[in-house]
Amino acid sequence: MSMSEYIAALSEVKREVTQFRRFAGHLRGSDLSRRLFALAIEIERLAQEIDSAKDLEVVAANLLDAARKFPPGSERHDVLRHIGKLRIKLDALVSKQKKLPLCPSCDGGHEV
């Protein structure tokens, strides 16, 4: 597992989050759409942290839970479709994070 593979996966997540935020910004103004937007921002922040695999998994699950609260219809379908694409990129990033070697000089045992 090389750092360049991790950086490529991180770039994919950033691109997908940007597209999702753009999409979420066009949803009808509601608490749910604001929640989706906030969770996307949280994913973007966590993706920058190299040891955030567990936190990313939790936030991604929260994103899916929020989407499921949308009423049935085309808007909900669109939200779930966008989240599905984002989850694929996040899963790849988390997988790569977990394969990074542990930091030998750090007591915390975080990944480098």
PDB file of N, CA and C in Angstrom:
ATOM      1  N   MET A   1       0.855  -1.186   0.000  1.00  0.00           N
ATOM      2  CA  MET A   1       0.000   0.000   0.000  1.00  0.00           C
ATOM      3  C   MET A   1       0.888   1.231   0.000  1.00  0.00           C
ATOM      4  N   SER A   2       0.760   2.039  -1.010  1.00  0.00           N
ATOM      5  CA  SER A   2       1.600   3.225  -1.094  1.00  0.00           C
ATOM      6  C   SER A   2       0.807   4.476  -0.709  1.00  0.00           C
ATOM      7  N   MET A   3       1.552   5.478  -0.325  1.00  0.00           N
ATOM      8  CA  MET A   3       0.945   6.754   0.038  1.00  0.00           C
ATOM      9  C   MET A   3       0.270   7.371  -1.186  1.00  0.00           C
ATOM     10  N   SER A   4       0.804   7.131  -2.369  1.00  0.00           N
ATOM     11  CA  SER A   4       0.185   7.701  -3.573  1.00  0.00           C
ATOM     12  C   SER A   4      -1.205   7.107  -3.812  1.00  0.00           C
ATOM     13  N   GLU A   5      -1.409   5.834  -3.485  1.00  0.00           N
ATOM     14  CA  GLU A   5      -2.738   5.224  -3.598  1.00  0.00           C
ATOM     15  C   GLU A   5      -3.709   5.867  -2.611  1.00  0.00           C
ATOM     16  N   TYR A   6      -3.217   6.134  -1.413  1.00  0.00           N
ATOM     17  CA  TYR A   6      -4.049   6.793  -0.400  1.00  0.00           C
ATOM     18  C   TYR A   6      -4.428   8.197  -0.859  1.00  0.00           C
ATOM     19  N   ILE A   7      -3.460   8.934  -1.382  1.00  0.00           N
ATOM     20  CA  ILE A   7      -3.719  10.307  -1.836  1.00  0.00           C
ATOM     21  C   ILE A   7      -4.716  10.306  -2.996  1.00  0.00           C
ATOM     22  N   ALA A   8      -4.614   9.333  -3.876  1.00  0.00           N
ATOM     23  CA  ALA A   8      -5.571   9.230  -4.984  1.00  0.00           C
ATOM     24  C   ALA A   8      -6.980   8.971  -4.454  1.00  0.00           C
ATOM     25  N   ALA A   9      -7.098   8.085  -3.460  1.00  0.00           N
ATOM     26  CA  ALA A   9      -8.414   7.800  -2.863  1.00  0.00           C
ATOM     27  C   ALA A   9      -8.960   9.038  -2.160  1.00  0.00           C
ATOM     28  N   LEU A  10      -8.096   9.776  -1.485  1.00  0.00           N
ATOM     29  CA  LEU A  10      -8.513  11.013  -0.815  1.00  0.00           C
ATOM     30  C   LEU A  10      -9.014  12.035  -1.829  1.00  0.00           C
ATOM     31  N   SER A  11      -8.346  12.148  -2.956  1.00  0.00           N
ATOM     32  CA  SER A  11      -8.781  13.072  -4.008  1.00  0.00           C
ATOM     33  C   SER A  11     -10.158  12.694  -4.545  1.00  0.00           C
ATOM     34  N   GLU A  12     -10.396  11.398  -4.704  1.00  0.00           N
ATOM     35  CA  GLU A  12     -11.706  10.927  -5.163  1.00  0.00           C
ATOM     36  C   GLU A  12     -12.803  11.295  -4.163  1.00  0.00           C
ATOM     37  N   VAL A  13     -12.511  11.133  -2.875  1.00  0.00           N
ATOM     38  CA  VAL A  13     -13.494  11.489  -1.844  1.00  0.00           C
ATOM     39  C   VAL A  13     -13.775  12.987  -1.889  1.00  0.00           C
ATOM     40  N   LYS A  14     -12.737  13.787  -1.997  1.00  0.00           N
ATOM     41  CA  LYS A  14     -12.927  15.243  -2.054  1.00  0.00           C
ATOM     42  C   LYS A  14     -13.813  15.635  -3.232  1.00  0.00           C
ATOM     43  N   ARG A  15     -13.549  15.028  -4.394  1.00  0.00           N
ATOM     44  CA  ARG A  15     -14.355  15.329  -5.582  1.00  0.00           C
ATOM     45  C   ARG A  15     -15.823  14.945  -5.366  1.00  0.00           C
ATOM     46  N   GLU A  16     -16.028  13.762  -4.802  1.00  0.00           N
ATOM     47  CA  GLU A  16     -17.398  13.285  -4.595  1.00  0.00           C
ATOM     48  C   GLU A  16     -18.117  14.118  -3.537  1.00  0.00           C
ATOM     49  N   VAL A  17     -17.406  14.526  -2.480  1.00  0.00           N
ATOM     50  CA  VAL A  17     -18.020  15.376  -1.443  1.00  0.00           C
ATOM     51  C   VAL A  17     -18.414  16.724  -2.043  1.00  0.00           C
ATOM     52  N   THR A  18     -17.564  17.269  -2.884  1.00  0.00           N
ATOM     53  CA  THR A  18     -17.879  18.548  -3.531  1.00  0.00           C
ATOM     54  C   THR A  18     -19.156  18.423  -4.362  1.00  0.00           C
ATOM     55  N   GLN A  19     -19.264  17.346  -5.115  1.00  0.00           N
ATOM     56  CA  GLN A  19     -20.470  17.127  -5.910  1.00  0.00           C
ATOM     57  C   GLN A  19     -21.688  16.928  -5.007  1.00  0.00           C
ATOM     58  N   PHE A  20     -21.512  16.199  -3.921  1.00  0.00           N
ATOM     59  CA  PHE A  20     -22.632  15.970  -3.008  1.00  0.00           C
ATOM     60  C   PHE A  20     -23.066  17.266  -2.341  1.00  0.00           C
ATOM     61  N   ARG A  21     -22.111  18.087  -1.918  1.00  0.00           N
ATOM     62  CA  ARG A  21     -22.464  19.374  -1.300  1.00  0.00           C
ATOM     63  C   ARG A  21     -23.212  20.252  -2.284  1.00  0.00           C
ATOM     64  N   ARG A  22     -22.782  20.256  -3.537  1.00  0.00           N
ATOM     65  CA  ARG A  22     -23.474  21.036  -4.563  1.00  0.00           C
ATOM     66  C   ARG A  22     -24.912  20.529  -4.709  1.00  0.00           C
ATOM     67  N   PHE A  23     -25.066  19.216  -4.751  1.00  0.00           N
ATOM     68  CA  PHE A  23     -26.390  18.603  -4.858  1.00  0.00           C
ATOM     69  C   PHE A  23     -27.234  18.944  -3.625  1.00  0.00           C
ATOM     70  N   ALA A  24     -26.688  18.764  -2.425  1.00  0.00           N
ATOM     71  CA  ALA A  24     -27.432  19.017  -1.186  1.00  0.00           C
ATOM     72  C   ALA A  24     -27.833  20.485  -1.067  1.00  0.00           C
ATOM     73  N   GLY A  25     -27.010  21.372  -1.595  1.00  0.00           N
ATOM     74  CA  GLY A  25     -27.328  22.794  -1.559  1.00  0.00           C
ATOM     75  C   GLY A  25     -28.540  23.149  -2.409  1.00  0.00           C
ATOM     76  N   HIS A  26     -28.895  22.291  -3.362  1.00  0.00           N
ATOM     77  CA  HIS A  26     -30.043  22.542  -4.234  1.00  0.00           C
ATOM     78  C   HIS A  26     -31.325  21.889  -3.729  1.00  0.00           C
ATOM     79  N   LEU A  27     -31.231  21.126  -2.654  1.00  0.00           N
ATOM     80  CA  LEU A  27     -32.440  20.504  -2.101  1.00  0.00           C
ATOM     81  C   LEU A  27     -33.311  21.571  -1.459  1.00  0.00           C
ATOM     82  N   ARG A  28     -34.596  21.257  -1.389  1.00  0.00           N
ATOM     83  CA  ARG A  28     -35.502  22.188  -0.728  1.00  0.00           C
ATOM     84  C   ARG A  28     -35.026  22.428   0.697  1.00  0.00           C
ATOM     85  N   GLY A  29     -35.075  23.680   1.125  1.00  0.00           N
ATOM     86  CA  GLY A  29     -34.602  24.033   2.463  1.00  0.00           C
ATOM     87  C   GLY A  29     -35.388  23.322   3.546  1.00  0.00           C
ATOM     88  N   SER A  30     -34.731  22.436   4.242  1.00  0.00           N
ATOM     89  CA  SER A  30     -35.355  21.722   5.350  1.00  0.00           C
ATOM     90  C   SER A  30     -34.259  21.347   6.333  1.00  0.00           C
ATOM     91  N   ASP A  31     -34.666  20.923   7.509  1.00  0.00           N
ATOM     92  CA  ASP A  31     -33.686  20.475   8.492  1.00  0.00           C
ATOM     93  C   ASP A  31     -32.898  19.287   7.959  1.00  0.00           C
ATOM     94  N   LEU A  32     -33.554  18.402   7.214  1.00  0.00           N
ATOM     95  CA  LEU A  32     -32.866  17.236   6.665  1.00  0.00           C
ATOM     96  C   LEU A  32     -31.807  17.636   5.642  1.00  0.00           C
ATOM     97  N   SER A  33     -32.119  18.564   4.762  1.00  0.00           N
ATOM     98  CA  SER A  33     -31.131  18.963   3.751  1.00  0.00           C
ATOM     99  C   SER A  33     -29.958  19.682   4.409  1.00  0.00           C
ATOM    100  N   ARG A  34     -30.233  20.472   5.443  1.00  0.00           N
ATOM    101  CA  ARG A  34     -29.145  21.127   6.180  1.00  0.00           C
ATOM    102  C   ARG A  34     -28.281  20.096   6.902  1.00  0.00           C
ATOM    103  N   ARG A  35     -28.923  19.046   7.421  1.00  0.00           N
ATOM    104  CA  ARG A  35     -28.187  17.972   8.096  1.00  0.00           C
ATOM    105  C   ARG A  35     -27.281  17.230   7.103  1.00  0.00           C
ATOM    106  N   LEU A  36     -27.783  16.934   5.926  1.00  0.00           N
ATOM    107  CA  LEU A  36     -26.971  16.285   4.900  1.00  0.00           C
ATOM    108  C   LEU A  36     -25.762  17.140   4.538  1.00  0.00           C
ATOM    109  N   PHE A  37     -25.989  18.438   4.380  1.00  0.00           N
ATOM    110  CA  PHE A  37     -24.915  19.349   4.022  1.00  0.00           C
ATOM    111  C   PHE A  37     -23.861  19.373   5.123  1.00  0.00           C
ATOM    112  N   ALA A  38     -24.302  19.443   6.383  1.00  0.00           N
ATOM    113  CA  ALA A  38     -23.375  19.467   7.516  1.00  0.00           C
ATOM    114  C   ALA A  38     -22.572  18.167   7.609  1.00  0.00           C
ATOM    115  N   LEU A  39     -23.227  17.035   7.376  1.00  0.00           N
ATOM    116  CA  LEU A  39     -22.527  15.757   7.416  1.00  0.00           C
ATOM    117  C   LEU A  39     -21.499  15.659   6.286  1.00  0.00           C
ATOM    118  N   ALA A  40     -21.821  16.199   5.119  1.00  0.00           N
ATOM    119  CA  ALA A  40     -20.856  16.197   4.013  1.00  0.00           C
ATOM    120  C   ALA A  40     -19.627  17.022   4.372  1.00  0.00           C
ATOM    121  N   ILE A  41     -19.832  18.142   5.032  1.00  0.00           N
ATOM    122  CA  ILE A  41     -18.705  18.967   5.474  1.00  0.00           C
ATOM    123  C   ILE A  41     -17.869  18.207   6.496  1.00  0.00           C
ATOM    124  N   GLU A  42     -18.523  17.490   7.405  1.00  0.00           N
ATOM    125  CA  GLU A  42     -17.812  16.690   8.404  1.00  0.00           C
ATOM    126  C   GLU A  42     -16.990  15.582   7.730  1.00  0.00           C
ATOM    127  N   ILE A  43     -17.538  14.950   6.719  1.00  0.00           N
ATOM    128  CA  ILE A  43     -16.796  13.922   5.984  1.00  0.00           C
ATOM    129  C   ILE A  43     -15.562  14.540   5.332  1.00  0.00           C
ATOM    130  N   GLU A  44     -15.738  15.698   4.739  1.00  0.00           N
ATOM    131  CA  GLU A  44     -14.613  16.375   4.089  1.00  0.00           C
ATOM    132  C   GLU A  44     -13.513  16.682   5.100  1.00  0.00           C
ATOM    133  N   ARG A  45     -13.895  17.132   6.290  1.00  0.00           N
ATOM    134  CA  ARG A  45     -12.919  17.439   7.344  1.00  0.00           C
ATOM    135  C   ARG A  45     -12.212  16.172   7.815  1.00  0.00           C
ATOM    136  N   LEU A  46     -12.987  15.132   8.092  1.00  0.00           N
ATOM    137  CA  LEU A  46     -12.409  13.884   8.586  1.00  0.00           C
ATOM    138  C   LEU A  46     -11.505  13.215   7.557  1.00  0.00           C
ATOM    139  N   ALA A  47     -11.837  13.351   6.288  1.00  0.00           N
ATOM    140  CA  ALA A  47     -11.034  12.731   5.241  1.00  0.00           C
ATOM    141  C   ALA A  47      -9.608  13.274   5.234  1.00  0.00           C
ATOM    142  N   GLN A  48      -9.427  14.478   5.753  1.00  0.00           N
ATOM    143  CA  GLN A  48      -8.098  15.081   5.807  1.00  0.00           C
ATOM    144  C   GLN A  48      -7.224  14.452   6.900  1.00  0.00           C
ATOM    145  N   GLU A  49      -7.851  13.805   7.868  1.00  0.00           N
ATOM    146  CA  GLU A  49      -7.122  13.198   8.974  1.00  0.00           C
ATOM    147  C   GLU A  49      -6.784  11.756   8.609  1.00  0.00           C
ATOM    148  N   ILE A  50      -5.525  11.435   8.673  1.00  0.00           N
ATOM    149  CA  ILE A  50      -5.070  10.142   8.183  1.00  0.00           C
ATOM    150  C   ILE A  50      -5.514   8.974   9.062  1.00  0.00           C
ATOM    151  N   ASP A  51      -5.899   9.257  10.300  1.00  0.00           N
ATOM    152  CA  ASP A  51      -6.302   8.180  11.215  1.00  0.00           C
ATOM    153  C   ASP A  51      -7.792   8.250  11.553  1.00  0.00           C
ATOM    154  N   SER A  52      -8.592   8.635  10.587  1.00  0.00           N
ATOM    155  CA  SER A  52     -10.005   8.897  10.846  1.00  0.00           C
ATOM    156  C   SER A  52     -10.941   7.802  10.345  1.00  0.00           C
ATOM    157  N   ALA A  53     -10.434   6.625  10.059  1.00  0.00           N
ATOM    158  CA  ALA A  53     -11.250   5.570   9.442  1.00  0.00           C
ATOM    159  C   ALA A  53     -12.526   5.296  10.231  1.00  0.00           C
ATOM    160  N   LYS A  54     -12.407   5.109  11.532  1.00  0.00           N
ATOM    161  CA  LYS A  54     -13.591   4.788  12.346  1.00  0.00           C
ATOM    162  C   LYS A  54     -14.577   5.945  12.356  1.00  0.00           C
ATOM    163  N   ASP A  55     -14.076   7.161  12.491  1.00  0.00           N
ATOM    164  CA  ASP A  55     -14.957   8.329  12.498  1.00  0.00           C
ATOM    165  C   ASP A  55     -15.657   8.507  11.152  1.00  0.00           C
ATOM    166  N   LEU A  56     -14.938   8.260  10.067  1.00  0.00           N
ATOM    167  CA  LEU A  56     -15.555   8.359   8.746  1.00  0.00           C
ATOM    168  C   LEU A  56     -16.684   7.349   8.584  1.00  0.00           C
ATOM    169  N   GLU A  57     -16.479   6.156   9.088  1.00  0.00           N
ATOM    170  CA  GLU A  57     -17.522   5.127   8.997  1.00  0.00           C
ATOM    171  C   GLU A  57     -18.768   5.547   9.768  1.00  0.00           C
ATOM    172  N   VAL A  58     -18.589   6.155  10.936  1.00  0.00           N
ATOM    173  CA  VAL A  58     -19.727   6.606  11.749  1.00  0.00           C
ATOM    174  C   VAL A  58     -20.479   7.728  11.044  1.00  0.00           C
ATOM    175  N   VAL A  59     -19.751   8.721  10.532  1.00  0.00           N
ATOM    176  CA  VAL A  59     -20.400   9.848   9.861  1.00  0.00           C
ATOM    177  C   VAL A  59     -21.103   9.385   8.581  1.00  0.00           C
ATOM    178  N   ALA A  60     -20.497   8.460   7.855  1.00  0.00           N
ATOM    179  CA  ALA A  60     -21.143   7.930   6.649  1.00  0.00           C
ATOM    180  C   ALA A  60     -22.445   7.217   7.008  1.00  0.00           C
ATOM    181  N   ALA A  61     -22.453   6.486   8.112  1.00  0.00           N
ATOM    182  CA  ALA A  61     -23.689   5.828   8.560  1.00  0.00           C
ATOM    183  C   ALA A  61     -24.732   6.868   8.952  1.00  0.00           C
ATOM    184  N   ASN A  62     -24.315   7.941   9.600  1.00  0.00           N
ATOM    185  CA  ASN A  62     -25.236   9.023   9.968  1.00  0.00           C
ATOM    186  C   ASN A  62     -25.818   9.695   8.722  1.00  0.00           C
ATOM    187  N   LEU A  63     -25.003   9.823   7.701  1.00  0.00           N
ATOM    188  CA  LEU A  63     -25.469  10.410   6.442  1.00  0.00           C
ATOM    189  C   LEU A  63     -26.575   9.549   5.836  1.00  0.00           C
ATOM    190  N   LEU A  64     -26.376   8.258   5.838  1.00  0.00           N
ATOM    191  CA  LEU A  64     -27.377   7.344   5.299  1.00  0.00           C
ATOM    192  C   LEU A  64     -28.654   7.374   6.138  1.00  0.00           C
ATOM    193  N   ASP A  65     -28.512   7.425   7.461  1.00  0.00           N
ATOM    194  CA  ASP A  65     -29.685   7.518   8.343  1.00  0.00           C
ATOM    195  C   ASP A  65     -30.491   8.784   8.059  1.00  0.00           C
ATOM    196  N   ALA A  66     -29.793   9.900   7.878  1.00  0.00           N
ATOM    197  CA  ALA A  66     -30.486  11.159   7.581  1.00  0.00           C
ATOM    198  C   ALA A  66     -31.217  11.069   6.244  1.00  0.00           C
ATOM    199  N   ALA A  67     -30.596  10.455   5.261  1.00  0.00           N
ATOM    200  CA  ALA A  67     -31.226  10.331   3.943  1.00  0.00           C
ATOM    201  C   ALA A  67     -32.478   9.473   4.005  1.00  0.00           C
ATOM    202  N   ARG A  68     -32.460   8.464   4.822  1.00  0.00           N
ATOM    203  CA  ARG A  68     -33.628   7.583   4.932  1.00  0.00           C
ATOM    204  C   ARG A  68     -34.835   8.282   5.546  1.00  0.00           C
ATOM    205  N   LYS A  69     -34.625   9.431   6.164  1.00  0.00           N
ATOM    206  CA  LYS A  69     -35.732  10.179   6.771  1.00  0.00           C
ATOM    207  C   LYS A  69     -36.471  11.054   5.764  1.00  0.00           C
ATOM    208  N   PHE A  70     -35.909  11.185   4.573  1.00  0.00           N
ATOM    209  CA  PHE A  70     -36.617  11.925   3.530  1.00  0.00           C
ATOM    210  C   PHE A  70     -37.884  11.157   3.171  1.00  0.00           C
ATOM    211  N   PRO A  71     -38.953  11.867   2.851  1.00  0.00           N
ATOM    212  CA  PRO A  71     -40.178  11.170   2.432  1.00  0.00           C
ATOM    213  C   PRO A  71     -39.941  10.426   1.117  1.00  0.00           C
ATOM    214  N   PRO A  72     -40.645   9.324   0.926  1.00  0.00           N
ATOM    215  CA  PRO A  72     -40.489   8.571  -0.323  1.00  0.00           C
ATOM    216  C   PRO A  72     -40.732   9.471  -1.536  1.00  0.00           C
ATOM    217  N   GLY A  73     -39.982   9.214  -2.576  1.00  0.00           N
ATOM    218  CA  GLY A  73     -40.153   9.985  -3.805  1.00  0.00           C
ATOM    219  C   GLY A  73     -38.841  10.184  -4.514  1.00  0.00           C
ATOM    220  N   SER A  74     -38.889  11.005  -5.542  1.00  0.00           N
ATOM    221  CA  SER A  74     -37.705  11.188  -6.391  1.00  0.00           C
ATOM    222  C   SER A  74     -36.565  11.884  -5.647  1.00  0.00           C
ATOM    223  N   GLU A  75     -36.895  12.823  -4.761  1.00  0.00           N
ATOM    224  CA  GLU A  75     -35.842  13.519  -4.025  1.00  0.00           C
ATOM    225  C   GLU A  75     -35.067  12.537  -3.132  1.00  0.00           C
ATOM    226  N   ARG A  76     -35.798  11.687  -2.437  1.00  0.00           N
ATOM    227  CA  ARG A  76     -35.145  10.684  -1.592  1.00  0.00           C
ATOM    228  C   ARG A  76     -34.289   9.746  -2.448  1.00  0.00           C
ATOM    229  N   HIS A  77     -34.820   9.320  -3.573  1.00  0.00           N
ATOM    230  CA  HIS A  77     -34.075   8.452  -4.479  1.00  0.00           C
ATOM    231  C   HIS A  77     -32.773   9.126  -4.929  1.00  0.00           C
ATOM    232  N   ASP A  78     -32.853  10.406  -5.285  1.00  0.00           N
ATOM    233  CA  ASP A  78     -31.659  11.142  -5.712  1.00  0.00           C
ATOM    234  C   ASP A  78     -30.638  11.251  -4.584  1.00  0.00           C
ATOM    235  N   VAL A  79     -31.112  11.540  -3.378  1.00  0.00           N
ATOM    236  CA  VAL A  79     -30.217  11.653  -2.225  1.00  0.00           C
ATOM    237  C   VAL A  79     -29.506  10.323  -1.986  1.00  0.00           C
ATOM    238  N   LEU A  80     -30.252   9.236  -1.990  1.00  0.00           N
ATOM    239  CA  LEU A  80     -29.661   7.918  -1.758  1.00  0.00           C
ATOM    240  C   LEU A  80     -28.674   7.535  -2.870  1.00  0.00           C
ATOM    241  N   ARG A  81     -28.974   7.920  -4.081  1.00  0.00           N
ATOM    242  CA  ARG A  81     -28.064   7.632  -5.204  1.00  0.00           C
ATOM    243  C   ARG A  81     -26.741   8.375  -5.026  1.00  0.00           C
ATOM    244  N   HIS A  82     -26.817   9.648  -4.651  1.00  0.00           N
ATOM    245  CA  HIS A  82     -25.602  10.439  -4.428  1.00  0.00           C
ATOM    246  C   HIS A  82     -24.812   9.889  -3.240  1.00  0.00           C
ATOM    247  N   ILE A  83     -25.507   9.506  -2.194  1.00  0.00           N
ATOM    248  CA  ILE A  83     -24.823   8.946  -1.026  1.00  0.00           C
ATOM    249  C   ILE A  83     -24.160   7.621  -1.394  1.00  0.00           C
ATOM    250  N   GLY A  84     -24.804   6.828  -2.219  1.00  0.00           N
ATOM    251  CA  GLY A  84     -24.210   5.568  -2.658  1.00  0.00           C
ATOM    252  C   GLY A  84     -22.881   5.785  -3.359  1.00  0.00           C
ATOM    253  N   LYS A  85     -22.827   6.786  -4.238  1.00  0.00           N
ATOM    254  CA  LYS A  85     -21.573   7.088  -4.927  1.00  0.00           C
ATOM    255  C   LYS A  85     -20.510   7.569  -3.941  1.00  0.00           C
ATOM    256  N   LEU A  86     -20.927   8.400  -2.989  1.00  0.00           N
ATOM    257  CA  LEU A  86     -19.991   8.898  -1.981  1.00  0.00           C
ATOM    258  C   LEU A  86     -19.488   7.759  -1.094  1.00  0.00           C
ATOM    259  N   ARG A  87     -20.384   6.859  -0.718  1.00  0.00           N
ATOM    260  CA  ARG A  87     -19.982   5.722   0.131  1.00  0.00           C
ATOM    261  C   ARG A  87     -18.947   4.832  -0.549  1.00  0.00           C
ATOM    262  N   ILE A  88     -19.055   4.637  -1.845  1.00  0.00           N
ATOM    263  CA  ILE A  88     -18.070   3.832  -2.576  1.00  0.00           C
ATOM    264  C   ILE A  88     -16.681   4.465  -2.436  1.00  0.00           C
ATOM    265  N   LYS A  89     -16.606   5.777  -2.614  1.00  0.00           N
ATOM    266  CA  LYS A  89     -15.320   6.483  -2.494  1.00  0.00           C
ATOM    267  C   LYS A  89     -14.821   6.451  -1.050  1.00  0.00           C
ATOM    268  N   LEU A  90     -15.739   6.636  -0.090  1.00  0.00           N
ATOM    269  CA  LEU A  90     -15.338   6.599   1.323  1.00  0.00           C
ATOM    270  C   LEU A  90     -14.833   5.218   1.726  1.00  0.00           C
ATOM    271  N   ASP A  91     -15.514   4.188   1.277  1.00  0.00           N
ATOM    272  CA  ASP A  91     -15.082   2.828   1.604  1.00  0.00           C
ATOM    273  C   ASP A  91     -13.682   2.557   1.070  1.00  0.00           C
ATOM    274  N   ALA A  92     -13.389   3.042  -0.122  1.00  0.00           N
ATOM    275  CA  ALA A  92     -12.052   2.873  -0.690  1.00  0.00           C
ATOM    276  C   ALA A  92     -11.012   3.617   0.142  1.00  0.00           C
ATOM    277  N   LEU A  93     -11.345   4.837   0.567  1.00  0.00           N
ATOM    278  CA  LEU A  93     -10.418   5.624   1.385  1.00  0.00           C
ATOM    279  C   LEU A  93     -10.176   4.946   2.729  1.00  0.00           C
ATOM    280  N   VAL A  94     -11.243   4.505   3.381  1.00  0.00           N
ATOM    281  CA  VAL A  94     -11.115   3.843   4.685  1.00  0.00           C
ATOM    282  C   VAL A  94     -10.270   2.579   4.547  1.00  0.00           C
ATOM    283  N   SER A  95     -10.488   1.829   3.501  1.00  0.00           N
ATOM    284  CA  SER A  95      -9.707   0.617   3.258  1.00  0.00           C
ATOM    285  C   SER A  95      -8.223   0.951   3.129  1.00  0.00           C
ATOM    286  N   LYS A  96      -7.926   2.010   2.403  1.00  0.00           N
ATOM    287  CA  LYS A  96      -6.531   2.415   2.225  1.00  0.00           C
ATOM    288  C   LYS A  96      -5.952   2.939   3.539  1.00  0.00           C
ATOM    289  N   GLN A  97      -6.751   3.673   4.331  1.00  0.00           N
ATOM    290  CA  GLN A  97      -6.269   4.156   5.628  1.00  0.00           C
ATOM    291  C   GLN A  97      -5.870   2.989   6.519  1.00  0.00           C
ATOM    292  N   LYS A  98      -6.687   1.956   6.518  1.00  0.00           N
ATOM    293  CA  LYS A  98      -6.427   0.816   7.381  1.00  0.00           C
ATOM    294  C   LYS A  98      -5.181   0.036   6.960  1.00  0.00           C
ATOM    295  N   LYS A  99      -4.757   0.180   5.731  1.00  0.00           N
ATOM    296  CA  LYS A  99      -3.582  -0.537   5.237  1.00  0.00           C
ATOM    297  C   LYS A  99      -2.284   0.253   5.392  1.00  0.00           C
ATOM    298  N   LEU A 100      -2.385   1.524   5.798  1.00  0.00           N
ATOM    299  CA  LEU A 100      -1.180   2.317   5.969  1.00  0.00           C
ATOM    300  C   LEU A 100      -0.379   1.773   7.147  1.00  0.00           C
ATOM    301  N   PRO A 101       0.948   1.833   7.065  1.00  0.00           N
ATOM    302  CA  PRO A 101       1.774   1.339   8.177  1.00  0.00           C
ATOM    303  C   PRO A 101       1.603   2.227   9.412  1.00  0.00           C
ATOM    304  N   LEU A 102       1.713   1.616  10.584  1.00  0.00           N
ATOM    305  CA  LEU A 102       1.616   2.378  11.829  1.00  0.00           C
ATOM    306  C   LEU A 102       2.860   3.238  12.016  1.00  0.00           C
ATOM    307  N   CYS A 103       2.661   4.347  12.652  1.00  0.00           N
ATOM    308  CA  CYS A 103       3.744   5.275  12.935  1.00  0.00           C
ATOM    309  C   CYS A 103       4.630   4.679  14.034  1.00  0.00           C
ATOM    310  N   PRO A 104       5.891   4.360  13.745  1.00  0.00           N
ATOM    311  CA  PRO A 104       6.755   3.720  14.743  1.00  0.00           C
ATOM    312  C   PRO A 104       7.244   4.671  15.832  1.00  0.00           C
ATOM    313  N   SER A 105       7.210   5.967  15.589  1.00  0.00           N
ATOM    314  CA  SER A 105       7.774   6.919  16.549  1.00  0.00           C
ATOM    315  C   SER A 105       6.726   7.582  17.435  1.00  0.00           C
ATOM    316  N   CYS A 106       5.510   7.076  17.384  1.00  0.00           N
ATOM    317  CA  CYS A 106       4.418   7.740  18.095  1.00  0.00           C
ATOM    318  C   CYS A 106       3.802   6.814  19.130  1.00  0.00           C
ATOM    319  N   ASP A 107       3.569   7.311  20.332  1.00  0.00           N
ATOM    320  CA  ASP A 107       2.943   6.523  21.381  1.00  0.00           C
ATOM    321  C   ASP A 107       1.481   6.217  21.061  1.00  0.00           C
ATOM    322  N   GLY A 108       0.827   7.101  20.333  1.00  0.00           N
ATOM    323  CA  GLY A 108      -0.595   6.944  20.058  1.00  0.00           C
ATOM    324  C   GLY A 108      -0.893   5.819  19.092  1.00  0.00           C
ATOM    325  N   GLY A 109       0.096   5.343  18.381  1.00  0.00           N
ATOM    326  CA  GLY A 109      -0.111   4.252  17.442  1.00  0.00           C
ATOM    327  C   GLY A 109      -0.940   4.622  16.231  1.00  0.00           C
ATOM    328  N   HIS A 110      -1.028   5.933  15.937  1.00  0.00           N
ATOM    329  CA  HIS A 110      -1.813   6.305  14.755  1.00  0.00           C
ATOM    330  C   HIS A 110      -1.056   5.963  13.489  1.00  0.00           C
ATOM    331  N   GLU A 111      -1.770   5.949  12.419  1.00  0.00           N
ATOM    332  CA  GLU A 111      -1.170   5.583  11.147  1.00  0.00           C
ATOM    333  C   GLU A 111      -0.485   6.775  10.514  1.00  0.00           C
ATOM    334  N   VAL A 112       0.521   6.513   9.693  1.00  0.00           N
ATOM    335  CA  VAL A 112       1.227   7.579   8.993  1.00  0.00           C
ATOM    336  C   VAL A 112       0.968   7.472   7.505  1.00  0.00           C
TER     337      VAL A 112
END
